[in-house]
Amino acid sequence: MTLISIQGVTRLYEDAQRGTAVKALDNVSVTVQRNDFLCLLGPSGCGKSTLLNMIAGFDRPTSGLVCVGGRPVQAPGVDRGVVFQQPTLMPWLPVWENVALHLRMRRFSKTQRRKQAQPYIDMVGLRGFENHYPSELSGGMNQRVGIARALLMNPEVILMDEPFGALDEQTRTDMHAELERIWRESRSTIVFVTHGIEEALSLGTHIAVMSARPGRIRELIKVDLPRPRDTTSPQFNDYKRRILGLLRPEEPAPA
């Protein structure tokens, strides 16, 4: 069942200083099925985050249509949880209060907030750290708080914008395993922005390989590899070579 539909999306940004328009996305179309894990992969500046922001409702296409659950996206909504590059936690709140932040804003009682936050704290492996503050946690643990906060909203879609980019290699690998487990347990649909080929192949059920700006979908690849993914396997490296070929600069059309 299609959950996200992106149809012919183009995004232009006006450059008032130069009196020109910059085309960030060009006629992008892609669909995401329920419980898919779609990775948006491409070079820096190709419009991956712009596309993610359109699904989130933070940005609007110049032309084309973005729908979630059969409804056009007009604004942010509780059906879409977002995990940013930085976890954007409140430093004066402990873990459980950060996880339950949107319940606090809706004036749920402290007892209700604590009760609803705990299952998601457990899911991301932070039991025992409920009363710690962000400054007392590692980068990876803070990102887990951000994931738990998104999950507590019980969204149809979780949108992740390079959430592990600032982590060291070992922590990133550990977080991949954790995120895969969380995705399986929560049965969420995830759209994940990355510029790392191995990260996309380690996580995704599908990879949308994008061209350099203006961003277009060069190919939507279904990743048919067993989990956990073996990054040293011949099959994994076959996919990697295929993607590397797609990421090479396109040949200019003959005159």
C-alpha atoms as a PDB file:
ATOM      1  CA  MET A   1       0.000   0.000   0.000  1.00  0.00           C
ATOM      2  CA  THR A   2       1.405   3.378  -1.050  1.00  0.00           C
ATOM      3  CA  LEU A   3       1.928   5.672   1.940  1.00  0.00           C
ATOM      4  CA  ILE A   4       4.007   8.479   0.380  1.00  0.00           C
ATOM      5  CA  SER A   5       3.534   9.696  -3.172  1.00  0.00           C
ATOM      6  CA  ILE A   6       5.793  12.316  -4.768  1.00  0.00           C
ATOM      7  CA  GLN A   7       4.585  13.273  -8.237  1.00  0.00           C
ATOM      8  CA  GLY A   8       6.511  15.486 -10.644  1.00  0.00           C
ATOM      9  CA  VAL A   9       8.016  17.690  -7.933  1.00  0.00           C
ATOM     10  CA  THR A  10      10.153  20.659  -8.966  1.00  0.00           C
ATOM     11  CA  ARG A  11      11.541  23.239  -6.540  1.00  0.00           C
ATOM     12  CA  LEU A  12      12.910  26.625  -7.576  1.00  0.00           C
ATOM     13  CA  TYR A  13      14.559  29.089  -5.182  1.00  0.00           C
ATOM     14  CA  GLU A  14      14.739  32.728  -6.153  1.00  0.00           C
ATOM     15  CA  ASP A  15      18.183  34.326  -5.916  1.00  0.00           C
ATOM     16  CA  ALA A  16      17.114  37.950  -5.405  1.00  0.00           C
ATOM     17  CA  GLN A  17      20.693  39.235  -5.281  1.00  0.00           C
ATOM     18  CA  ARG A  18      21.498  37.881  -8.750  1.00  0.00           C
ATOM     19  CA  GLY A  19      18.002  38.079 -10.191  1.00  0.00           C
ATOM     20  CA  THR A  20      17.981  34.389 -11.089  1.00  0.00           C
ATOM     21  CA  ALA A  21      16.287  31.194  -9.957  1.00  0.00           C
ATOM     22  CA  VAL A  22      18.110  28.107  -8.673  1.00  0.00           C
ATOM     23  CA  LYS A  23      16.486  24.768  -9.466  1.00  0.00           C
ATOM     24  CA  ALA A  24      17.007  22.407  -6.515  1.00  0.00           C
ATOM     25  CA  LEU A  25      14.730  19.567  -7.695  1.00  0.00           C
ATOM     26  CA  ASP A  26      13.625  18.723 -11.215  1.00  0.00           C
ATOM     27  CA  ASN A  27      10.521  16.617 -11.891  1.00  0.00           C
ATOM     28  CA  VAL A  28      11.053  14.126  -9.048  1.00  0.00           C
ATOM     29  CA  SER A  29       8.607  11.241  -8.741  1.00  0.00           C
ATOM     30  CA  VAL A  30       8.848   8.374  -6.245  1.00  0.00           C
ATOM     31  CA  THR A  31       6.469   6.281  -4.136  1.00  0.00           C
ATOM     32  CA  VAL A  32       7.051   4.724  -0.723  1.00  0.00           C
ATOM     33  CA  GLN A  33       5.041   1.741   0.490  1.00  0.00           C
ATOM     34  CA  ARG A  34       3.988   1.230   4.091  1.00  0.00           C
ATOM     35  CA  ASN A  35       6.845  -0.244   6.215  1.00  0.00           C
ATOM     36  CA  ASP A  36       9.463   0.593   3.561  1.00  0.00           C
ATOM     37  CA  PHE A  37      12.840   1.962   4.597  1.00  0.00           C
ATOM     38  CA  LEU A  38      13.694   4.370   1.783  1.00  0.00           C
ATOM     39  CA  CYS A  39      17.152   5.936   1.656  1.00  0.00           C
ATOM     40  CA  LEU A  40      17.589   9.133  -0.356  1.00  0.00           C
ATOM     41  CA  LEU A  41      21.182   8.959  -1.575  1.00  0.00           C
ATOM     42  CA  GLY A  42      23.105  11.523  -3.573  1.00  0.00           C
ATOM     43  CA  PRO A  43      25.892  14.103  -3.576  1.00  0.00           C
ATOM     44  CA  SER A  44      25.815  17.189  -1.361  1.00  0.00           C
ATOM     45  CA  GLY A  45      23.460  19.858  -2.671  1.00  0.00           C
ATOM     46  CA  CYS A  46      21.338  17.491  -4.767  1.00  0.00           C
ATOM     47  CA  GLY A  47      18.091  18.286  -2.931  1.00  0.00           C
ATOM     48  CA  LYS A  48      17.805  15.282  -0.599  1.00  0.00           C
ATOM     49  CA  SER A  49      16.986  17.402   2.455  1.00  0.00           C
ATOM     50  CA  THR A  50      14.691  19.633   0.380  1.00  0.00           C
ATOM     51  CA  LEU A  51      12.679  16.574  -0.618  1.00  0.00           C
ATOM     52  CA  LEU A  52      12.575  15.360   2.992  1.00  0.00           C
ATOM     53  CA  ASN A  53      11.402  18.804   4.147  1.00  0.00           C
ATOM     54  CA  MET A  54       8.562  18.675   1.624  1.00  0.00           C
ATOM     55  CA  ILE A  55       7.371  15.353   3.046  1.00  0.00           C
ATOM     56  CA  ALA A  56       7.642  16.864   6.536  1.00  0.00           C
ATOM     57  CA  GLY A  57       5.643  19.920   5.474  1.00  0.00           C
ATOM     58  CA  PHE A  58       8.450  22.408   6.176  1.00  0.00           C
ATOM     59  CA  ASP A  59       8.733  23.320   2.474  1.00  0.00           C
ATOM     60  CA  ARG A  60       6.418  23.320  -0.549  1.00  0.00           C
ATOM     61  CA  PRO A  61       7.101  22.341  -4.168  1.00  0.00           C
ATOM     62  CA  THR A  62       7.091  24.970  -6.879  1.00  0.00           C
ATOM     63  CA  SER A  63       5.193  22.451  -8.969  1.00  0.00           C
ATOM     64  CA  GLY A  64       4.097  18.865  -8.447  1.00  0.00           C
ATOM     65  CA  LEU A  65       2.435  17.134  -5.516  1.00  0.00           C
ATOM     66  CA  VAL A  66       3.539  15.455  -2.276  1.00  0.00           C
ATOM     67  CA  CYS A  67       0.972  13.226  -0.532  1.00  0.00           C
ATOM     68  CA  VAL A  68       1.131  11.197   2.687  1.00  0.00           C
ATOM     69  CA  GLY A  69      -1.666   8.722   3.394  1.00  0.00           C
ATOM     70  CA  GLY A  70      -3.493   9.900   0.263  1.00  0.00           C
ATOM     71  CA  ARG A  71      -3.638  13.524   1.475  1.00  0.00           C
ATOM     72  CA  PRO A  72      -1.611  16.424   0.019  1.00  0.00           C
ATOM     73  CA  VAL A  73       1.001  17.699   2.471  1.00  0.00           C
ATOM     74  CA  GLN A  74       0.172  21.298   3.407  1.00  0.00           C
ATOM     75  CA  ALA A  75       2.017  21.671   6.719  1.00  0.00           C
ATOM     76  CA  PRO A  76       3.827  19.653   9.427  1.00  0.00           C
ATOM     77  CA  GLY A  77       1.660  17.062  11.181  1.00  0.00           C
ATOM     78  CA  VAL A  78       1.698  14.423  13.895  1.00  0.00           C
ATOM     79  CA  ASP A  79       1.584  11.703  11.221  1.00  0.00           C
ATOM     80  CA  ARG A  80       5.236  12.567  10.409  1.00  0.00           C
ATOM     81  CA  GLY A  81       7.998  12.466  13.020  1.00  0.00           C
ATOM     82  CA  VAL A  82      11.334  14.119  12.203  1.00  0.00           C
ATOM     83  CA  VAL A  83      14.821  13.239  13.466  1.00  0.00           C
ATOM     84  CA  PHE A  84      17.300  15.976  12.550  1.00  0.00           C
ATOM     85  CA  GLN A  85      21.070  15.913  11.976  1.00  0.00           C
ATOM     86  CA  GLN A  86      21.449  17.216  15.520  1.00  0.00           C
ATOM     87  CA  PRO A  87      19.076  15.825  18.176  1.00  0.00           C
ATOM     88  CA  THR A  88      17.788  19.323  19.187  1.00  0.00           C
ATOM     89  CA  LEU A  89      17.178  18.314  22.800  1.00  0.00           C
ATOM     90  CA  MET A  90      16.255  20.664  25.632  1.00  0.00           C
ATOM     91  CA  PRO A  91      19.445  20.728  27.784  1.00  0.00           C
ATOM     92  CA  TRP A  92      17.537  21.570  30.972  1.00  0.00           C
ATOM     93  CA  LEU A  93      15.240  18.520  30.690  1.00  0.00           C
ATOM     94  CA  PRO A  94      16.148  14.898  31.542  1.00  0.00           C
ATOM     95  CA  VAL A  95      15.864  12.139  28.963  1.00  0.00           C
ATOM     96  CA  TRP A  96      12.297  11.134  29.776  1.00  0.00           C
ATOM     97  CA  GLU A  97      11.059  14.726  29.590  1.00  0.00           C
ATOM     98  CA  ASN A  98      12.801  15.249  26.246  1.00  0.00           C
ATOM     99  CA  VAL A  99      11.176  12.102  24.891  1.00  0.00           C
ATOM    100  CA  ALA A 100       7.748  13.283  26.109  1.00  0.00           C
ATOM    101  CA  LEU A 101       8.257  16.911  25.060  1.00  0.00           C
ATOM    102  CA  HIS A 102       5.188  17.164  22.824  1.00  0.00           C
ATOM    103  CA  LEU A 103       3.052  15.696  25.654  1.00  0.00           C
ATOM    104  CA  ARG A 104       4.428  18.391  27.960  1.00  0.00           C
ATOM    105  CA  MET A 105       3.399  21.021  25.403  1.00  0.00           C
ATOM    106  CA  ARG A 106      -0.094  19.508  25.357  1.00  0.00           C
ATOM    107  CA  ARG A 107      -0.200  19.784  29.173  1.00  0.00           C
ATOM    108  CA  PHE A 108      -0.303  16.068  29.972  1.00  0.00           C
ATOM    109  CA  SER A 109       0.375  15.371  33.625  1.00  0.00           C
ATOM    110  CA  LYS A 110       3.862  14.361  34.761  1.00  0.00           C
ATOM    111  CA  THR A 111       2.610  10.853  35.552  1.00  0.00           C
ATOM    112  CA  GLN A 112       1.074  10.469  32.099  1.00  0.00           C
ATOM    113  CA  ARG A 113       4.203  11.759  30.382  1.00  0.00           C
ATOM    114  CA  ARG A 114       6.492   9.428  32.295  1.00  0.00           C
ATOM    115  CA  LYS A 115       4.261   6.414  31.645  1.00  0.00           C
ATOM    116  CA  GLN A 116       4.008   7.055  27.902  1.00  0.00           C
ATOM    117  CA  ALA A 117       7.714   7.831  27.474  1.00  0.00           C
ATOM    118  CA  GLN A 118       9.068   4.694  29.173  1.00  0.00           C
ATOM    119  CA  PRO A 119       8.259   2.099  26.458  1.00  0.00           C
ATOM    120  CA  TYR A 120      10.100   4.193  23.866  1.00  0.00           C
ATOM    121  CA  ILE A 121      13.037   4.795  26.188  1.00  0.00           C
ATOM    122  CA  ASP A 122      13.222   1.015  26.559  1.00  0.00           C
ATOM    123  CA  MET A 123      12.901   0.518  22.785  1.00  0.00           C
ATOM    124  CA  VAL A 124      15.946   2.682  22.037  1.00  0.00           C
ATOM    125  CA  GLY A 125      18.026   1.041  24.777  1.00  0.00           C
ATOM    126  CA  LEU A 126      18.156   3.905  27.283  1.00  0.00           C
ATOM    127  CA  ARG A 127      16.605   2.241  30.345  1.00  0.00           C
ATOM    128  CA  GLY A 128      18.564   3.456  33.343  1.00  0.00           C
ATOM    129  CA  PHE A 129      19.295   6.838  31.760  1.00  0.00           C
ATOM    130  CA  GLU A 130      15.802   8.300  32.147  1.00  0.00           C
ATOM    131  CA  ASN A 131      16.961  11.009  34.574  1.00  0.00           C
ATOM    132  CA  HIS A 132      20.216  11.892  32.832  1.00  0.00           C
ATOM    133  CA  TYR A 133      20.578  15.218  31.027  1.00  0.00           C
ATOM    134  CA  PRO A 134      21.773  15.582  27.403  1.00  0.00           C
ATOM    135  CA  SER A 135      25.171  16.904  28.526  1.00  0.00           C
ATOM    136  CA  GLU A 136      25.722  13.631  30.393  1.00  0.00           C
ATOM    137  CA  LEU A 137      25.125  11.464  27.314  1.00  0.00           C
ATOM    138  CA  SER A 138      27.191  10.561  24.257  1.00  0.00           C
ATOM    139  CA  GLY A 139      26.238  11.773  20.778  1.00  0.00           C
ATOM    140  CA  GLY A 140      24.777   8.393  19.881  1.00  0.00           C
ATOM    141  CA  MET A 141      22.685   8.282  23.052  1.00  0.00           C
ATOM    142  CA  ASN A 142      21.326  11.769  22.364  1.00  0.00           C
ATOM    143  CA  GLN A 143      20.293  10.651  18.892  1.00  0.00           C
ATOM    144  CA  ARG A 144      18.456   7.720  20.485  1.00  0.00           C
ATOM    145  CA  VAL A 145      16.516  10.244  22.576  1.00  0.00           C
ATOM    146  CA  GLY A 146      15.565  12.057  19.379  1.00  0.00           C
ATOM    147  CA  ILE A 147      14.399   8.789  17.794  1.00  0.00           C
ATOM    148  CA  ALA A 148      12.365   7.873  20.887  1.00  0.00           C
ATOM    149  CA  ARG A 149      10.726  11.311  20.833  1.00  0.00           C
ATOM    150  CA  ALA A 150       9.718  10.809  17.195  1.00  0.00           C
ATOM    151  CA  LEU A 151       8.385   7.290  17.923  1.00  0.00           C
ATOM    152  CA  LEU A 152       6.276   8.425  20.873  1.00  0.00           C
ATOM    153  CA  MET A 153       4.217  10.574  18.502  1.00  0.00           C
ATOM    154  CA  ASN A 154       3.212   7.274  16.830  1.00  0.00           C
ATOM    155  CA  PRO A 155       3.672   8.739  13.344  1.00  0.00           C
ATOM    156  CA  GLU A 156       2.930   6.960  10.094  1.00  0.00           C
ATOM    157  CA  VAL A 157       6.296   8.135   8.766  1.00  0.00           C
ATOM    158  CA  ILE A 158       9.656   8.841  10.420  1.00  0.00           C
ATOM    159  CA  LEU A 159      11.851  11.276   8.475  1.00  0.00           C
ATOM    160  CA  MET A 160      15.586  11.237   9.245  1.00  0.00           C
ATOM    161  CA  ASP A 161      18.022  13.821   7.877  1.00  0.00           C
ATOM    162  CA  GLU A 162      21.553  12.352   8.129  1.00  0.00           C
ATOM    163  CA  PRO A 163      21.040  11.653  11.846  1.00  0.00           C
ATOM    164  CA  PHE A 164      24.338   9.788  12.280  1.00  0.00           C
ATOM    165  CA  GLY A 165      26.579  12.070  10.224  1.00  0.00           C
ATOM    166  CA  ALA A 166      28.376  13.524  13.249  1.00  0.00           C
ATOM    167  CA  LEU A 167      29.087  10.152  14.898  1.00  0.00           C
ATOM    168  CA  ASP A 168      32.313   8.165  14.751  1.00  0.00           C
ATOM    169  CA  GLU A 169      32.421   5.063  12.572  1.00  0.00           C
ATOM    170  CA  GLN A 170      31.936   2.492  15.349  1.00  0.00           C
ATOM    171  CA  THR A 171      29.056   4.402  16.970  1.00  0.00           C
ATOM    172  CA  ARG A 172      27.435   4.849  13.556  1.00  0.00           C
ATOM    173  CA  THR A 173      27.637   1.104  12.913  1.00  0.00           C
ATOM    174  CA  ASP A 174      26.069   0.409  16.315  1.00  0.00           C
ATOM    175  CA  MET A 175      23.300   2.923  15.598  1.00  0.00           C
ATOM    176  CA  HIS A 176      22.560   1.252  12.256  1.00  0.00           C
ATOM    177  CA  ALA A 177      21.907  -2.014  14.090  1.00  0.00           C
ATOM    178  CA  GLU A 178      19.758  -0.235  16.687  1.00  0.00           C
ATOM    179  CA  LEU A 179      17.752   1.644  14.058  1.00  0.00           C
ATOM    180  CA  GLU A 180      17.116  -1.545  12.100  1.00  0.00           C
ATOM    181  CA  ARG A 181      15.831  -3.223  15.259  1.00  0.00           C
ATOM    182  CA  ILE A 182      13.630  -0.230  16.122  1.00  0.00           C
ATOM    183  CA  TRP A 183      12.240  -0.142  12.561  1.00  0.00           C
ATOM    184  CA  ARG A 184      11.323  -3.821  12.797  1.00  0.00           C
ATOM    185  CA  GLU A 185       9.730  -3.502  16.257  1.00  0.00           C
ATOM    186  CA  SER A 186       7.812  -0.305  15.540  1.00  0.00           C
ATOM    187  CA  ARG A 187       6.831  -1.324  11.985  1.00  0.00           C
ATOM    188  CA  SER A 188       7.372   2.290  10.973  1.00  0.00           C
ATOM    189  CA  THR A 189       7.910   3.662   7.489  1.00  0.00           C
ATOM    190  CA  ILE A 190      11.239   5.500   7.336  1.00  0.00           C
ATOM    191  CA  VAL A 191      12.676   7.978   4.825  1.00  0.00           C
ATOM    192  CA  PHE A 192      16.380   8.455   5.540  1.00  0.00           C
ATOM    193  CA  VAL A 193      18.696  11.031   3.946  1.00  0.00           C
ATOM    194  CA  THR A 194      22.341  10.031   3.511  1.00  0.00           C
ATOM    195  CA  HIS A 195      25.308  10.602   1.226  1.00  0.00           C
ATOM    196  CA  GLY A 196      26.933   7.314   2.349  1.00  0.00           C
ATOM    197  CA  ILE A 197      26.561   4.351  -0.006  1.00  0.00           C
ATOM    198  CA  GLU A 198      27.356   1.752   2.668  1.00  0.00           C
ATOM    199  CA  GLU A 199      24.947   3.411   5.112  1.00  0.00           C
ATOM    200  CA  ALA A 200      22.145   3.290   2.529  1.00  0.00           C
ATOM    201  CA  LEU A 201      22.888  -0.352   1.665  1.00  0.00           C
ATOM    202  CA  SER A 202      23.118  -1.321   5.344  1.00  0.00           C
ATOM    203  CA  LEU A 203      19.691   0.125   6.163  1.00  0.00           C
ATOM    204  CA  GLY A 204      17.416   0.523   3.177  1.00  0.00           C
ATOM    205  CA  THR A 205      14.778  -1.684   1.634  1.00  0.00           C
ATOM    206  CA  HIS A 206      14.976   0.773  -1.280  1.00  0.00           C
ATOM    207  CA  ILE A 207      17.488   3.415  -2.347  1.00  0.00           C
ATOM    208  CA  ALA A 208      16.530   6.422  -4.469  1.00  0.00           C
ATOM    209  CA  VAL A 209      19.794   7.448  -6.140  1.00  0.00           C
ATOM    210  CA  MET A 210      19.716  11.156  -6.968  1.00  0.00           C
ATOM    211  CA  SER A 211      21.692  13.159  -9.498  1.00  0.00           C
ATOM    212  CA  ALA A 212      23.667  16.314  -8.756  1.00  0.00           C
ATOM    213  CA  ARG A 213      21.666  19.548  -8.711  1.00  0.00           C
ATOM    214  CA  PRO A 214      19.072  19.908  -9.996  1.00  0.00           C
ATOM    215  CA  GLY A 215      18.157  16.714  -8.171  1.00  0.00           C
ATOM    216  CA  ARG A 216      16.418  13.989 -10.121  1.00  0.00           C
ATOM    217  CA  ILE A 217      15.837  10.320  -9.303  1.00  0.00           C
ATOM    218  CA  ARG A 218      18.327   8.463 -11.467  1.00  0.00           C
ATOM    219  CA  GLU A 219      17.138   5.060 -10.248  1.00  0.00           C
ATOM    220  CA  LEU A 220      15.043   3.532  -7.479  1.00  0.00           C
ATOM    221  CA  ILE A 221      16.842   0.369  -6.369  1.00  0.00           C
ATOM    222  CA  LYS A 222      15.198  -2.392  -4.365  1.00  0.00           C
ATOM    223  CA  VAL A 223      17.831  -3.853  -2.018  1.00  0.00           C
ATOM    224  CA  ASP A 224      17.372  -7.612  -1.870  1.00  0.00           C
ATOM    225  CA  LEU A 225      19.960  -8.571   0.751  1.00  0.00           C
ATOM    226  CA  PRO A 226      19.516 -10.614   3.948  1.00  0.00           C
ATOM    227  CA  ARG A 227      19.705  -8.841   7.323  1.00  0.00           C
ATOM    228  CA  PRO A 228      21.936  -8.104   9.088  1.00  0.00           C
ATOM    229  CA  ARG A 229      23.711  -6.865   5.987  1.00  0.00           C
ATOM    230  CA  ASP A 230      27.218  -8.188   5.367  1.00  0.00           C
ATOM    231  CA  THR A 231      29.200  -5.259   3.987  1.00  0.00           C
ATOM    232  CA  THR A 232      31.946  -7.620   2.765  1.00  0.00           C
ATOM    233  CA  SER A 233      29.710  -9.930   0.725  1.00  0.00           C
ATOM    234  CA  PRO A 234      29.986 -10.074  -3.094  1.00  0.00           C
ATOM    235  CA  GLN A 235      26.286  -9.178  -3.396  1.00  0.00           C
ATOM    236  CA  PHE A 236      26.710  -6.071  -1.226  1.00  0.00           C
ATOM    237  CA  ASN A 237      29.652  -4.940  -3.334  1.00  0.00           C
ATOM    238  CA  ASP A 238      27.712  -5.577  -6.551  1.00  0.00           C
ATOM    239  CA  TYR A 239      25.087  -3.091  -5.337  1.00  0.00           C
ATOM    240  CA  LYS A 240      27.846  -0.685  -4.318  1.00  0.00           C
ATOM    241  CA  ARG A 241      29.419  -0.761  -7.795  1.00  0.00           C
ATOM    242  CA  ARG A 242      25.999  -0.223  -9.367  1.00  0.00           C
ATOM    243  CA  ILE A 243      25.363   2.842  -7.216  1.00  0.00           C
ATOM    244  CA  LEU A 244      28.845   4.242  -7.800  1.00  0.00           C
ATOM    245  CA  GLY A 245      28.120   4.066 -11.518  1.00  0.00           C
ATOM    246  CA  LEU A 246      24.886   5.985 -11.055  1.00  0.00           C
ATOM    247  CA  LEU A 247      26.617   8.680  -8.988  1.00  0.00           C
ATOM    248  CA  ARG A 248      29.204   9.433 -11.654  1.00  0.00           C
ATOM    249  CA  PRO A 249      28.574  12.744 -13.442  1.00  0.00           C
ATOM    250  CA  GLU A 250      26.172  12.331 -16.313  1.00  0.00           C
ATOM    251  CA  GLU A 251      27.560  12.694 -19.810  1.00  0.00           C
ATOM    252  CA  PRO A 252      26.375  15.898 -21.515  1.00  0.00           C
ATOM    253  CA  ALA A 253      23.886  15.367 -24.313  1.00  0.00           C
ATOM    254  CA  PRO A 254      25.501  15.515 -27.791  1.00  0.00           C
ATOM    255  CA  ALA A 255      25.113  18.842 -29.583  1.00  0.00           C
END
